[in-house]
C-alpha atoms as a PDB file:
ATOM      1  CA  MET A   1      54.555  45.129  25.514  1.00  0.00           C
ATOM      2  CA  PRO A   2      55.361  45.895  21.872  1.00  0.00           C
ATOM      3  CA  THR A   3      55.493  49.439  20.589  1.00  0.00           C
ATOM      4  CA  ILE A   4      52.865  50.047  17.911  1.00  0.00           C
ATOM      5  CA  VAL A   5      52.726  52.610  15.116  1.00  0.00           C
ATOM      6  CA  LEU A   6      49.324  53.684  13.784  1.00  0.00           C
ATOM      7  CA  LEU A   7      49.107  55.114  10.254  1.00  0.00           C
ATOM      8  CA  HIS A   8      47.089  57.439  10.087  1.00  0.00           C
ATOM      9  CA  PRO A   9      44.569  58.258  12.844  1.00  0.00           C
ATOM     10  CA  GLY A  10      41.294  59.216  11.246  1.00  0.00           C
ATOM     11  CA  ALA A  11      38.104  58.628  13.218  1.00  0.00           C
ATOM     12  CA  MET A  12      38.335  54.834  12.904  1.00  0.00           C
ATOM     13  CA  GLY A  13      42.108  54.634  13.272  1.00  0.00           C
ATOM     14  CA  ALA A  14      42.126  56.855  16.343  1.00  0.00           C
ATOM     15  CA  SER A  15      39.553  54.608  17.998  1.00  0.00           C
ATOM     16  CA  ILE A  16      41.715  51.561  17.267  1.00  0.00           C
ATOM     17  CA  GLY A  17      44.682  53.408  18.782  1.00  0.00           C
ATOM     18  CA  ARG A  18      42.714  54.391  21.860  1.00  0.00           C
ATOM     19  CA  ALA A  19      41.599  50.784  22.375  1.00  0.00           C
ATOM     20  CA  LEU A  20      45.248  49.676  22.358  1.00  0.00           C
ATOM     21  CA  VAL A  21      46.359  52.502  24.655  1.00  0.00           C
ATOM     22  CA  ASP A  22      43.579  51.689  27.095  1.00  0.00           C
ATOM     23  CA  VAL A  23      44.978  48.173  27.616  1.00  0.00           C
ATOM     24  CA  GLY A  24      48.521  49.435  28.223  1.00  0.00           C
ATOM     25  CA  HIS A  25      50.241  49.648  24.823  1.00  0.00           C
ATOM     26  CA  GLU A  26      52.295  52.562  23.592  1.00  0.00           C
ATOM     27  CA  VAL A  27      50.926  53.649  20.242  1.00  0.00           C
ATOM     28  CA  LYS A  28      52.805  56.152  18.098  1.00  0.00           C
ATOM     29  CA  TRP A  29      51.496  58.272  15.276  1.00  0.00           C
ATOM     30  CA  VAL A  30      53.419  60.213  12.636  1.00  0.00           C
ATOM     31  CA  SER A  31      52.765  63.952  12.655  1.00  0.00           C
ATOM     32  CA  GLU A  32      54.738  64.846   9.521  1.00  0.00           C
ATOM     33  CA  GLY A  33      52.360  66.204   6.892  1.00  0.00           C
ATOM     34  CA  ARG A  34      49.235  65.572   8.955  1.00  0.00           C
ATOM     35  CA  SER A  35      46.424  68.038   9.565  1.00  0.00           C
ATOM     36  CA  PRO A  36      45.452  69.817  12.800  1.00  0.00           C
ATOM     37  CA  ALA A  37      42.354  67.602  12.909  1.00  0.00           C
ATOM     38  CA  THR A  38      44.535  64.484  12.829  1.00  0.00           C
ATOM     39  CA  ARG A  39      46.713  65.904  15.617  1.00  0.00           C
ATOM     40  CA  SER A  40      43.636  66.573  17.726  1.00  0.00           C
ATOM     41  CA  ARG A  41      42.351  63.009  17.248  1.00  0.00           C
ATOM     42  CA  ALA A  42      45.753  61.548  18.082  1.00  0.00           C
ATOM     43  CA  LEU A  43      46.058  63.572  21.274  1.00  0.00           C
ATOM     44  CA  ASP A  44      42.531  62.711  22.361  1.00  0.00           C
ATOM     45  CA  ALA A  45      43.309  59.012  21.829  1.00  0.00           C
ATOM     46  CA  GLY A  46      46.464  59.180  23.934  1.00  0.00           C
ATOM     47  CA  LEU A  47      48.841  58.430  21.070  1.00  0.00           C
ATOM     48  CA  THR A  48      52.536  59.347  21.218  1.00  0.00           C
ATOM     49  CA  GLU A  49      53.833  61.712  18.553  1.00  0.00           C
ATOM     50  CA  ALA A  50      56.720  60.820  16.253  1.00  0.00           C
ATOM     51  CA  SER A  51      57.861  63.535  13.882  1.00  0.00           C
ATOM     52  CA  SER A  52      58.608  61.182  10.987  1.00  0.00           C
ATOM     53  CA  LEU A  53      57.857  57.646   9.847  1.00  0.00           C
ATOM     54  CA  ALA A  54      61.528  56.696  10.055  1.00  0.00           C
ATOM     55  CA  LEU A  55      61.695  57.756  13.710  1.00  0.00           C
ATOM     56  CA  ALA A  56      58.440  56.005  14.537  1.00  0.00           C
ATOM     57  CA  LEU A  57      59.642  52.726  13.031  1.00  0.00           C
ATOM     58  CA  GLU A  58      62.974  52.708  14.916  1.00  0.00           C
ATOM     59  CA  SER A  59      61.428  51.057  17.977  1.00  0.00           C
ATOM     60  CA  ALA A  60      58.240  49.664  16.460  1.00  0.00           C
ATOM     61  CA  GLU A  61      57.291  46.015  16.369  1.00  0.00           C
ATOM     62  CA  VAL A  62      53.824  46.404  14.866  1.00  0.00           C
ATOM     63  CA  VAL A  63      52.418  48.858  12.318  1.00  0.00           C
ATOM     64  CA  PHE A  64      48.687  49.353  11.779  1.00  0.00           C
ATOM     65  CA  SER A  65      47.542  51.009   8.567  1.00  0.00           C
ATOM     66  CA  VAL A  66      44.048  52.483   8.823  1.00  0.00           C
ATOM     67  CA  CYS A  67      43.719  54.943   5.975  1.00  0.00           C
ATOM     68  CA  PRO A  68      41.485  55.693   2.958  1.00  0.00           C
ATOM     69  CA  PRO A  69      41.535  52.660   0.643  1.00  0.00           C
ATOM     70  CA  ALA A  70      43.036  54.598  -2.260  1.00  0.00           C
ATOM     71  CA  ALA A  71      46.119  55.330  -0.128  1.00  0.00           C
ATOM     72  CA  ALA A  72      46.669  51.802   1.235  1.00  0.00           C
ATOM     73  CA  GLY A  73      49.276  50.773  -1.335  1.00  0.00           C
ATOM     74  CA  ASP A  74      51.327  53.952  -0.993  1.00  0.00           C
ATOM     75  CA  VAL A  75      51.272  53.778   2.806  1.00  0.00           C
ATOM     76  CA  ALA A  76      52.519  50.184   2.704  1.00  0.00           C
ATOM     77  CA  THR A  77      55.247  51.114   0.206  1.00  0.00           C
ATOM     78  CA  SER A  78      56.453  53.928   2.475  1.00  0.00           C
ATOM     79  CA  VAL A  79      56.971  51.397   5.284  1.00  0.00           C
ATOM     80  CA  GLY A  80      58.583  48.814   3.011  1.00  0.00           C
ATOM     81  CA  ARG A  81      61.193  51.333   1.898  1.00  0.00           C
ATOM     82  CA  LEU A  82      62.439  51.811   5.449  1.00  0.00           C
ATOM     83  CA  THR A  83      64.164  49.445   7.850  1.00  0.00           C
ATOM     84  CA  PHE A  84      61.290  47.592   9.460  1.00  0.00           C
ATOM     85  CA  ASP A  85      61.097  43.855  10.039  1.00  0.00           C
ATOM     86  CA  GLY A  86      58.047  43.638  12.293  1.00  0.00           C
ATOM     87  CA  ILE A  87      54.379  42.933  11.610  1.00  0.00           C
ATOM     88  CA  TYR A  88      52.379  45.164   9.288  1.00  0.00           C
ATOM     89  CA  VAL A  89      48.595  45.035   9.676  1.00  0.00           C
ATOM     90  CA  ASP A  90      46.671  46.422   6.728  1.00  0.00           C
ATOM     91  CA  ALA A  91      43.212  47.128   8.158  1.00  0.00           C
ATOM     92  CA  ASN A  92      41.903  49.071   5.182  1.00  0.00           C
ATOM     93  CA  ALA A  93      38.776  48.548   3.080  1.00  0.00           C
ATOM     94  CA  ILE A  94      40.592  47.099   0.087  1.00  0.00           C
ATOM     95  CA  ALA A  95      39.979  44.242  -2.313  1.00  0.00           C
ATOM     96  CA  PRO A  96      41.465  40.854  -1.382  1.00  0.00           C
ATOM     97  CA  GLN A  97      43.717  41.022  -4.435  1.00  0.00           C
ATOM     98  CA  SER A  98      44.940  44.454  -3.297  1.00  0.00           C
ATOM     99  CA  ALA A  99      45.776  42.978   0.102  1.00  0.00           C
ATOM    100  CA  ARG A 100      47.676  40.140  -1.543  1.00  0.00           C
ATOM    101  CA  ARG A 101      49.704  42.584  -3.650  1.00  0.00           C
ATOM    102  CA  ILE A 102      50.651  44.496  -0.510  1.00  0.00           C
ATOM    103  CA  ASP A 103      51.543  41.185   1.148  1.00  0.00           C
ATOM    104  CA  ASP A 104      53.863  40.275  -1.741  1.00  0.00           C
ATOM    105  CA  ASN A 105      55.526  43.690  -1.724  1.00  0.00           C
ATOM    106  CA  LEU A 106      56.100  43.830   2.011  1.00  0.00           C
ATOM    107  CA  THR A 107      57.172  40.212   2.347  1.00  0.00           C
ATOM    108  CA  SER A 108      59.883  40.870  -0.239  1.00  0.00           C
ATOM    109  CA  CYS A 109      61.112  43.662   2.051  1.00  0.00           C
ATOM    110  CA  GLY A 110      61.312  41.375   5.094  1.00  0.00           C
ATOM    111  CA  VAL A 111      58.053  42.567   6.660  1.00  0.00           C
ATOM    112  CA  THR A 112      55.484  40.163   8.118  1.00  0.00           C
ATOM    113  CA  PHE A 113      52.022  40.897   6.727  1.00  0.00           C
ATOM    114  CA  VAL A 114      48.643  40.484   8.427  1.00  0.00           C
ATOM    115  CA  ASP A 115      45.426  41.198   6.556  1.00  0.00           C
ATOM    116  CA  GLY A 116      42.737  43.045   8.502  1.00  0.00           C
ATOM    117  CA  GLY A 117      39.167  44.161   7.928  1.00  0.00           C
ATOM    118  CA  ILE A 118      37.214  46.417  10.316  1.00  0.00           C
ATOM    119  CA  VAL A 119      33.452  46.004  10.560  1.00  0.00           C
ATOM    120  CA  GLY A 120      31.403  48.452  12.580  1.00  0.00           C
ATOM    121  CA  PRO A 121      31.678  52.098  13.621  1.00  0.00           C
ATOM    122  CA  PRO A 122      34.649  53.710  15.390  1.00  0.00           C
ATOM    123  CA  ALA A 123      35.114  51.720  18.584  1.00  0.00           C
ATOM    124  CA  LEU A 124      33.688  53.945  21.317  1.00  0.00           C
ATOM    125  CA  GLY A 125      32.423  51.041  23.411  1.00  0.00           C
ATOM    126  CA  SER A 126      32.361  47.280  23.625  1.00  0.00           C
ATOM    127  CA  GLY A 127      30.252  45.177  21.284  1.00  0.00           C
ATOM    128  CA  THR A 128      30.235  47.516  18.290  1.00  0.00           C
ATOM    129  CA  THR A 129      33.417  46.888  16.312  1.00  0.00           C
ATOM    130  CA  ARG A 130      35.107  43.748  15.028  1.00  0.00           C
ATOM    131  CA  LEU A 131      38.603  43.429  13.596  1.00  0.00           C
ATOM    132  CA  TYR A 132      38.804  40.460  11.242  1.00  0.00           C
ATOM    133  CA  LEU A 133      42.315  39.063  10.757  1.00  0.00           C
ATOM    134  CA  SER A 134      43.785  36.577   8.309  1.00  0.00           C
ATOM    135  CA  GLY A 135      47.212  35.295   7.380  1.00  0.00           C
ATOM    136  CA  PRO A 136      49.782  33.052   9.053  1.00  0.00           C
ATOM    137  CA  ASN A 137      50.662  35.476  11.895  1.00  0.00           C
ATOM    138  CA  THR A 138      47.338  36.638  13.269  1.00  0.00           C
ATOM    139  CA  ALA A 139      47.602  35.367  16.853  1.00  0.00           C
ATOM    140  CA  PRO A 140      50.114  38.020  18.045  1.00  0.00           C
ATOM    141  CA  ILE A 141      47.865  40.766  16.689  1.00  0.00           C
ATOM    142  CA  ALA A 142      44.717  39.343  18.243  1.00  0.00           C
ATOM    143  CA  SER A 143      46.490  39.162  21.607  1.00  0.00           C
ATOM    144  CA  LEU A 144      47.170  42.918  21.518  1.00  0.00           C
ATOM    145  CA  PHE A 145      43.434  43.582  21.875  1.00  0.00           C
ATOM    146  CA  GLU A 146      42.753  41.288  24.828  1.00  0.00           C
ATOM    147  CA  GLY A 147      40.662  43.203  27.335  1.00  0.00           C
ATOM    148  CA  SER A 148      39.927  46.016  24.878  1.00  0.00           C
ATOM    149  CA  VAL A 149      36.668  47.216  23.336  1.00  0.00           C
ATOM    150  CA  ILE A 150      37.723  45.712  19.983  1.00  0.00           C
ATOM    151  CA  GLU A 151      36.652  42.140  19.272  1.00  0.00           C
ATOM    152  CA  THR A 152      39.061  40.244  17.016  1.00  0.00           C
ATOM    153  CA  ARG A 153      37.917  37.403  14.787  1.00  0.00           C
ATOM    154  CA  LEU A 154      40.415  35.134  13.039  1.00  0.00           C
ATOM    155  CA  VAL A 155      39.309  34.072   9.572  1.00  0.00           C
ATOM    156  CA  ASP A 156      41.981  31.749   8.180  1.00  0.00           C
ATOM    157  CA  HIS A 157      45.657  31.639   7.175  1.00  0.00           C
ATOM    158  CA  ARG A 158      45.191  33.278   3.757  1.00  0.00           C
ATOM    159  CA  PRO A 159      46.092  36.932   3.254  1.00  0.00           C
ATOM    160  CA  GLY A 160      43.072  38.592   1.661  1.00  0.00           C
ATOM    161  CA  SER A 161      40.388  36.657   3.521  1.00  0.00           C
ATOM    162  CA  ALA A 162      39.828  39.329   6.182  1.00  0.00           C
ATOM    163  CA  SER A 163      39.594  41.937   3.447  1.00  0.00           C
ATOM    164  CA  ALA A 164      37.066  39.738   1.644  1.00  0.00           C
ATOM    165  CA  VAL A 165      34.836  39.695   4.735  1.00  0.00           C
ATOM    166  CA  LYS A 166      34.966  43.488   4.920  1.00  0.00           C
ATOM    167  CA  ILE A 167      34.333  43.858   1.181  1.00  0.00           C
ATOM    168  CA  CYS A 168      31.289  41.560   1.265  1.00  0.00           C
ATOM    169  CA  TYR A 169      29.896  43.375   4.305  1.00  0.00           C
ATOM    170  CA  ALA A 170      30.381  46.864   2.845  1.00  0.00           C
ATOM    171  CA  ALA A 171      29.035  45.728  -0.534  1.00  0.00           C
ATOM    172  CA  TRP A 172      25.661  45.552   1.183  1.00  0.00           C
ATOM    173  CA  THR A 173      25.759  48.312   3.816  1.00  0.00           C
ATOM    174  CA  LYS A 174      27.371  51.087   1.753  1.00  0.00           C
ATOM    175  CA  GLY A 175      26.284  49.765  -1.634  1.00  0.00           C
ATOM    176  CA  THR A 176      22.612  49.865  -0.661  1.00  0.00           C
ATOM    177  CA  ALA A 177      23.081  53.336   0.829  1.00  0.00           C
ATOM    178  CA  ALA A 178      24.217  54.540  -2.596  1.00  0.00           C
ATOM    179  CA  LEU A 179      21.326  52.687  -4.230  1.00  0.00           C
ATOM    180  CA  LEU A 180      18.771  54.373  -1.959  1.00  0.00           C
ATOM    181  CA  LEU A 181      20.276  57.779  -2.677  1.00  0.00           C
ATOM    182  CA  ALA A 182      20.070  57.069  -6.405  1.00  0.00           C
ATOM    183  CA  ILE A 183      16.449  55.900  -6.112  1.00  0.00           C
ATOM    184  CA  ARG A 184      15.374  58.979  -4.156  1.00  0.00           C
ATOM    185  CA  THR A 185      17.143  61.175  -6.714  1.00  0.00           C
ATOM    186  CA  LEU A 186      15.361  59.383  -9.579  1.00  0.00           C
ATOM    187  CA  ALA A 187      12.000  59.803  -7.837  1.00  0.00           C
ATOM    188  CA  GLU A 188      12.661  63.536  -7.500  1.00  0.00           C
ATOM    189  CA  ALA A 189      13.682  63.767 -11.157  1.00  0.00           C
ATOM    190  CA  GLU A 190      10.431  62.092 -12.200  1.00  0.00           C
ATOM    191  CA  ASP A 191       8.405  64.121  -9.659  1.00  0.00           C
ATOM    192  CA  VAL A 192       7.044  61.009  -7.942  1.00  0.00           C
ATOM    193  CA  ALA A 193       8.921  61.264  -4.614  1.00  0.00           C
ATOM    194  CA  GLU A 194       5.754  61.677  -2.534  1.00  0.00           C
ATOM    195  CA  GLU A 195       4.079  58.702  -4.173  1.00  0.00           C
ATOM    196  CA  LEU A 196       7.174  56.544  -3.680  1.00  0.00           C
ATOM    197  CA  VAL A 197       7.421  57.411   0.010  1.00  0.00           C
ATOM    198  CA  ASN A 198       3.713  56.689   0.460  1.00  0.00           C
ATOM    199  CA  GLU A 199       4.126  53.288  -1.172  1.00  0.00           C
ATOM    200  CA  TRP A 200       7.164  52.502   0.959  1.00  0.00           C
ATOM    201  CA  THR A 201       5.185  53.526   4.058  1.00  0.00           C
ATOM    202  CA  THR A 202       2.597  50.922   3.110  1.00  0.00           C
ATOM    203  CA  SER A 203       4.761  48.075   1.860  1.00  0.00           C
ATOM    204  CA  ILE A 204       8.374  48.560   3.078  1.00  0.00           C
ATOM    205  CA  PRO A 205       8.135  51.086   5.929  1.00  0.00           C
ATOM    206  CA  GLU A 206      11.728  50.652   7.107  1.00  0.00           C
ATOM    207  CA  LEU A 207      12.971  52.121   3.822  1.00  0.00           C
ATOM    208  CA  VAL A 208      11.431  55.521   4.546  1.00  0.00           C
ATOM    209  CA  GLY A 209      13.607  56.231   7.560  1.00  0.00           C
ATOM    210  CA  ARG A 210      16.638  54.598   6.054  1.00  0.00           C
ATOM    211  CA  SER A 211      16.413  56.576   2.831  1.00  0.00           C
ATOM    212  CA  GLU A 212      16.213  59.787   4.882  1.00  0.00           C
ATOM    213  CA  GLY A 213      19.205  58.763   6.982  1.00  0.00           C
ATOM    214  CA  VAL A 214      21.565  57.750   4.178  1.00  0.00           C
ATOM    215  CA  ALA A 215      22.213  61.404   3.381  1.00  0.00           C
ATOM    216  CA  ARG A 216      24.663  61.313   6.294  1.00  0.00           C
ATOM    217  CA  SER A 217      26.922  59.115   4.175  1.00  0.00           C
ATOM    218  CA  ALA A 218      27.652  62.203   2.061  1.00  0.00           C
ATOM    219  CA  LEU A 219      30.120  63.316   4.727  1.00  0.00           C
ATOM    220  CA  LYS A 220      32.246  60.233   4.032  1.00  0.00           C
ATOM    221  CA  ALA A 221      31.478  59.921   0.341  1.00  0.00           C
ATOM    222  CA  TRP A 222      35.035  60.957  -0.561  1.00  0.00           C
ATOM    223  CA  ARG A 223      36.195  57.819   1.244  1.00  0.00           C
ATOM    224  CA  PHE A 224      33.356  55.529   0.180  1.00  0.00           C
ATOM    225  CA  ALA A 225      33.854  56.132  -3.557  1.00  0.00           C
ATOM    226  CA  PRO A 226      37.244  54.367  -3.768  1.00  0.00           C
ATOM    227  CA  GLU A 227      35.927  51.665  -1.426  1.00  0.00           C
ATOM    228  CA  MET A 228      33.140  50.969  -3.930  1.00  0.00           C
ATOM    229  CA  GLU A 229      35.794  50.712  -6.654  1.00  0.00           C
ATOM    230  CA  GLU A 230      37.648  48.109  -4.568  1.00  0.00           C
ATOM    231  CA  ILE A 231      34.384  46.204  -4.141  1.00  0.00           C
ATOM    232  CA  ALA A 232      33.665  46.336  -7.881  1.00  0.00           C
ATOM    233  CA  ALA A 233      37.163  45.011  -8.602  1.00  0.00           C
ATOM    234  CA  THR A 234      36.573  42.147  -6.160  1.00  0.00           C
ATOM    235  CA  PHE A 235      33.349  41.137  -7.892  1.00  0.00           C
ATOM    236  CA  ILE A 236      35.021  41.271 -11.306  1.00  0.00           C
ATOM    237  CA  ALA A 237      37.975  39.196 -10.084  1.00  0.00           C
ATOM    238  CA  ALA A 238      35.466  36.545  -8.947  1.00  0.00           C
ATOM    239  CA  GLY A 239      33.826  36.478 -12.384  1.00  0.00           C
ATOM    240  CA  LEU A 240      30.820  38.485 -11.210  1.00  0.00           C
ATOM    241  CA  PRO A 241      29.427  41.790 -12.539  1.00  0.00           C
ATOM    242  CA  GLY A 242      31.076  44.810 -10.964  1.00  0.00           C
ATOM    243  CA  GLY A 243      28.661  47.360 -12.346  1.00  0.00           C
ATOM    244  CA  PHE A 244      26.523  47.606  -9.212  1.00  0.00           C
ATOM    245  CA  HIS A 245      29.362  49.077  -7.216  1.00  0.00           C
ATOM    246  CA  GLU A 246      30.934  51.005 -10.064  1.00  0.00           C
ATOM    247  CA  ALA A 247      27.650  52.936 -10.120  1.00  0.00           C
ATOM    248  CA  ALA A 248      27.741  53.279  -6.325  1.00  0.00           C
ATOM    249  CA  ALA A 249      31.243  54.724  -6.635  1.00  0.00           C
ATOM    250  CA  GLU A 250      29.908  57.362  -9.030  1.00  0.00           C
ATOM    251  CA  ILE A 251      27.068  58.293  -6.662  1.00  0.00           C
ATOM    252  CA  PHE A 252      29.526  58.779  -3.814  1.00  0.00           C
ATOM    253  CA  GLN A 253      31.951  60.648  -6.057  1.00  0.00           C
ATOM    254  CA  ARG A 254      29.226  63.163  -6.853  1.00  0.00           C
ATOM    255  CA  LEU A 255      28.834  63.702  -3.108  1.00  0.00           C
ATOM    256  CA  ALA A 256      32.547  63.926  -2.317  1.00  0.00           C
ATOM    257  CA  GLY A 257      32.410  67.712  -2.037  1.00  0.00           C
ATOM    258  CA  PHE A 258      30.481  67.385   1.233  1.00  0.00           C
ATOM    259  CA  ARG A 259      33.622  66.202   3.036  1.00  0.00           C
ATOM    260  CA  ASP A 260      33.698  67.763   6.538  1.00  0.00           C
ATOM    261  CA  ALA A 261      30.579  69.813   5.746  1.00  0.00           C
ATOM    262  CA  VAL A 262      28.963  71.598   8.694  1.00  0.00           C
ATOM    263  CA  PRO A 263      26.089  71.158   9.057  1.00  0.00           C
ATOM    264  CA  ALA A 264      25.725  67.778   7.413  1.00  0.00           C
ATOM    265  CA  PRO A 265      23.580  67.820   4.278  1.00  0.00           C
ATOM    266  CA  GLY A 266      20.021  66.596   4.463  1.00  0.00           C
ATOM    267  CA  LEU A 267      18.451  64.359   1.862  1.00  0.00           C
ATOM    268  CA  ALA A 268      17.424  67.318  -0.290  1.00  0.00           C
ATOM    269  CA  GLY A 269      20.968  68.654  -0.369  1.00  0.00           C
ATOM    270  CA  ALA A 270      22.391  65.247  -1.258  1.00  0.00           C
ATOM    271  CA  ILE A 271      19.847  64.784  -4.049  1.00  0.00           C
ATOM    272  CA  GLU A 272      20.634  68.209  -5.478  1.00  0.00           C
ATOM    273  CA  ARG A 273      24.358  67.444  -5.516  1.00  0.00           C
ATOM    274  CA  ILE A 274      23.803  64.078  -7.206  1.00  0.00           C
ATOM    275  CA  GLN A 275      21.587  65.664  -9.842  1.00  0.00           C
ATOM    276  CA  ASN A 276      24.003  68.508 -10.542  1.00  0.00           C
ATOM    277  CA  ARG A 277      27.135  66.333 -10.349  1.00  0.00           C
END
């Protein structure tokens, strides 16, 4: 079985690593410069420590990048600068054109690129999480997950297509979360929150619970903001307005200070932070 390197195990990445370990693969992670929280996730997932990227890549055949979207390009560049001629899977929430730029850069370095897009929560059980793959070399990557809790779906042979699926999906799920937060904040600013909730209870009852629950997204707002920027760029590149998700990026940016907050903020706390920037 091929040796796999996972860069860098956050909650989602660690679950991808665990899924691979559970079906018999050795998965390495790079500890250099990483936090105690990352170390804890890596150990819990059964990943093997490598002290540096160079050491991890010496025996690696596949690299998975699962990192915040703003870091995707730099992470890919760090691999391209070293001696690695295996398969690089970018499974980050980035625009299709960002994926294609990474493809061009890595291909020029002798690396085989596979575009990936993860839909769903961290993979703690079967039936929750899909890994979309595109590009000319997807079959070897899909085979790694046979028997695992991750379902792989092959899109086509074009780098960027898997990222496009993820972008379109998140444009709705996370974009509407930001919209609901903005609407509840506006209702508070105009002192009509009670009337709005009463109307929703009558006409769109599912929005009441959802608008209360979206405050949880504040914990990941630091990560969602650049993802919204990638989505906006994708819309603009397609000749469509990007302003919807540029605004969503600003909402999440205002909430970025809640990163790792304990306890998680409620709706009132999120609204206050949005209002006060």
